[in-house]
Amino acid sequence: VTTPLLAQEVRAKLEARGARVILTRSGAEGITLGARPKFADVANADLFVSLHFNALPDGVNPFLNHGASAYYFHPQSYGLANAILRQLLKNTKLPNFGLYYDNLAVCRVTSMPAVLIEPAFIMHPHEEMMILDASFRQKVAEAIVRGMEEFVRGAKE
């Protein structure tokens, strides 16, 4: 439930700045992860940002492994992932869980820069409480938008 709320907040901030935003889902329902980049291609999107809250497999200690992270696959997407992650760390003060190159379905098959953003861990008790707080989601949304703006400004130079 919290990821769609974050997506709506990012959308509102982007639209207030004049962007055209298309969401692949509005609630728990929606299209598959693999279909989302194809949807972005058909919509002729300039950027593709997939929002998630992180979790860990069984046996990994969430008290040692938590914070904000960003993932990319294509070199053209590195700058977008890096800009968003830097803004997330600045706005949330969460630990840096990392900037990762990974062969993820939402990042792999796109014609535009594509990233997967995980601003916090849903399974870390303190971060879960933050995720449920509307003011924290506003900080995260603002960080994502600022990172996108930074990337677009850099691409124009």
Protein backbone atom coordinates (compact mmCIF):
# COMPACT_ATOMS: atom_id res chain seq x y z
CA VAL A 1 0.00 0.00 0.00
CA THR A 2 2.83 2.45 0.77
CA THR A 3 4.56 2.25 -2.65
CA PRO A 4 1.46 3.53 -4.53
CA LEU A 5 1.19 6.36 -1.98
CA LEU A 6 4.80 7.32 -2.66
CA ALA A 7 4.23 7.11 -6.43
CA GLN A 8 1.23 9.44 -6.13
CA GLU A 9 3.34 11.93 -4.17
CA VAL A 10 6.15 11.81 -6.75
CA ARG A 11 3.58 12.24 -9.50
CA ALA A 12 2.02 15.31 -7.84
CA LYS A 13 5.44 16.96 -7.38
CA LEU A 14 6.46 16.26 -10.98
CA GLU A 15 3.15 17.49 -12.41
CA ALA A 16 3.42 20.66 -10.31
CA ARG A 17 6.73 21.24 -12.11
CA GLY A 18 5.09 20.72 -15.52
CA ALA A 19 6.00 17.09 -16.20
CA ARG A 20 3.66 14.58 -17.80
CA VAL A 21 3.59 11.50 -15.56
CA ILE A 22 2.19 8.06 -16.35
CA LEU A 23 1.88 5.49 -13.57
CA THR A 24 1.85 1.77 -14.34
CA ARG A 25 -0.50 1.15 -11.43
CA SER A 26 -2.65 3.10 -9.05
CA GLY A 27 -2.98 0.58 -6.21
CA ALA A 28 -2.03 -3.00 -5.48
CA GLU A 29 -3.27 -4.07 -8.89
CA GLY A 30 -1.36 -3.31 -12.05
CA ILE A 31 0.72 -4.74 -14.84
CA THR A 32 3.60 -7.16 -14.27
CA LEU A 33 7.13 -5.96 -13.59
CA GLY A 34 8.24 -7.19 -17.00
CA ALA A 35 5.45 -5.33 -18.78
CA ARG A 36 6.11 -1.99 -17.09
CA PRO A 37 9.16 -0.99 -19.19
CA LYS A 38 7.28 -1.98 -22.36
CA PHE A 39 4.42 0.25 -21.24
CA ALA A 40 6.91 3.11 -20.78
CA ASP A 41 8.26 2.54 -24.30
CA VAL A 42 4.77 2.62 -25.82
CA ALA A 43 4.03 5.82 -23.86
CA ASN A 44 7.25 7.33 -25.28
CA ALA A 45 8.53 8.11 -21.77
CA ASP A 46 11.75 10.06 -21.29
CA LEU A 47 12.59 8.39 -17.95
CA PHE A 48 11.43 5.23 -16.19
CA VAL A 49 11.55 5.16 -12.38
CA SER A 50 10.35 2.05 -10.58
CA LEU A 51 9.61 2.60 -6.87
CA HIS A 52 9.86 -0.16 -4.26
CA PHE A 53 10.56 -0.56 -0.59
CA ASN A 54 13.34 -3.03 0.12
CA ALA A 55 13.32 -6.36 1.96
CA LEU A 56 15.95 -8.99 2.65
CA PRO A 57 15.94 -12.76 2.25
CA ASP A 58 15.63 -14.98 5.32
CA GLY A 59 18.79 -15.15 7.37
CA VAL A 60 20.07 -11.64 6.54
CA ASN A 61 20.13 -9.28 9.50
CA PRO A 62 18.05 -6.15 8.71
CA PHE A 63 19.75 -4.28 11.56
CA LEU A 64 23.06 -4.51 9.71
CA ASN A 65 21.66 -4.19 6.17
CA HIS A 66 19.28 -1.28 5.62
CA GLY A 67 18.98 2.20 4.15
CA ALA A 68 18.38 3.69 0.71
CA SER A 69 19.51 2.10 -2.56
CA ALA A 70 19.24 2.52 -6.31
CA TYR A 71 19.68 0.08 -9.19
CA TYR A 72 20.43 0.53 -12.88
CA PHE A 73 21.38 -1.73 -15.81
CA HIS A 74 22.39 0.43 -18.78
CA PRO A 75 25.26 2.94 -18.55
CA GLN A 76 22.84 5.70 -19.65
CA SER A 77 20.88 5.07 -16.43
CA TYR A 78 23.80 5.32 -14.01
CA GLY A 79 23.57 9.11 -13.67
CA LEU A 80 19.85 8.98 -12.91
CA ALA A 81 20.28 6.29 -10.24
CA ASN A 82 23.22 8.13 -8.70
CA ALA A 83 21.45 11.52 -8.63
CA ILE A 84 18.32 10.09 -7.02
CA LEU A 85 20.30 8.11 -4.45
CA ARG A 86 22.37 11.18 -3.48
CA GLN A 87 19.20 13.21 -2.97
CA LEU A 88 17.59 10.39 -0.94
CA LEU A 89 20.58 10.20 1.37
CA LYS A 90 20.59 13.97 1.80
CA ASN A 91 16.83 14.25 2.46
CA THR A 92 16.27 11.17 4.64
CA LYS A 93 19.61 10.82 6.46
CA LEU A 94 19.27 7.04 6.07
CA PRO A 95 22.36 4.87 5.56
CA ASN A 96 23.61 4.30 2.02
CA PHE A 97 22.68 0.70 1.17
CA GLY A 98 24.28 1.21 -2.22
CA LEU A 99 24.17 2.06 -5.90
CA TYR A 100 24.03 -1.18 -7.86
CA TYR A 101 24.35 -2.39 -11.40
CA ASP A 102 21.87 -5.27 -11.69
CA ASN A 103 20.08 -7.20 -14.42
CA LEU A 104 16.55 -6.37 -13.22
CA ALA A 105 13.46 -6.73 -15.42
CA VAL A 106 12.35 -3.12 -14.91
CA CYS A 107 15.77 -1.71 -15.81
CA ARG A 108 16.94 -4.05 -18.56
CA VAL A 109 14.56 -3.67 -21.51
CA THR A 110 14.07 0.06 -21.97
CA SER A 111 14.94 2.65 -24.58
CA MET A 112 15.11 5.40 -21.95
CA PRO A 113 17.13 5.73 -18.73
CA ALA A 114 15.54 3.35 -16.22
CA VAL A 115 16.15 2.85 -12.52
CA LEU A 116 14.71 0.97 -9.59
CA ILE A 117 14.67 3.00 -6.38
CA GLU A 118 14.37 1.52 -2.88
CA PRO A 119 14.28 4.45 -0.45
CA ALA A 120 14.09 2.35 2.74
CA PHE A 121 13.53 -1.15 4.11
CA ILE A 122 9.96 -2.19 4.86
CA MET A 123 11.28 -4.97 7.11
CA HIS A 124 13.51 -2.78 9.29
CA PRO A 125 11.33 -1.66 12.24
CA HIS A 126 12.57 1.96 12.37
CA GLU A 127 12.46 2.39 8.59
CA GLU A 128 9.02 0.77 8.38
CA MET A 129 7.70 3.35 10.84
CA MET A 130 9.27 6.09 8.71
CA ILE A 131 7.71 4.68 5.52
CA LEU A 132 4.27 4.80 7.14
CA ASP A 133 4.76 8.50 8.01
CA ALA A 134 3.38 10.90 5.37
CA SER A 135 6.06 13.52 6.07
CA PHE A 136 8.82 10.97 5.42
CA ARG A 137 7.18 9.95 2.13
CA GLN A 138 7.07 13.66 1.19
CA LYS A 139 10.83 13.92 1.85
CA VAL A 140 11.43 10.81 -0.26
CA ALA A 141 9.21 12.08 -3.08
CA GLU A 142 11.00 15.43 -3.09
CA ALA A 143 14.38 13.69 -3.17
CA ILE A 144 13.34 11.52 -6.12
CA VAL A 145 12.06 14.55 -8.03
CA ARG A 146 15.21 16.57 -7.28
CA GLY A 147 17.37 13.67 -8.45
CA MET A 148 15.38 13.44 -11.67
CA GLU A 149 15.69 17.20 -12.20
CA GLU A 150 19.45 17.06 -11.58
CA PHE A 151 19.81 14.26 -14.12
CA VAL A 152 17.73 16.05 -16.77
CA ARG A 153 19.65 19.32 -16.26
CA GLY A 154 22.95 17.44 -16.65
CA ALA A 155 21.73 15.72 -19.80
CA LYS A 156 20.89 19.09 -21.37
CA GLU A 157 24.37 20.51 -20.77
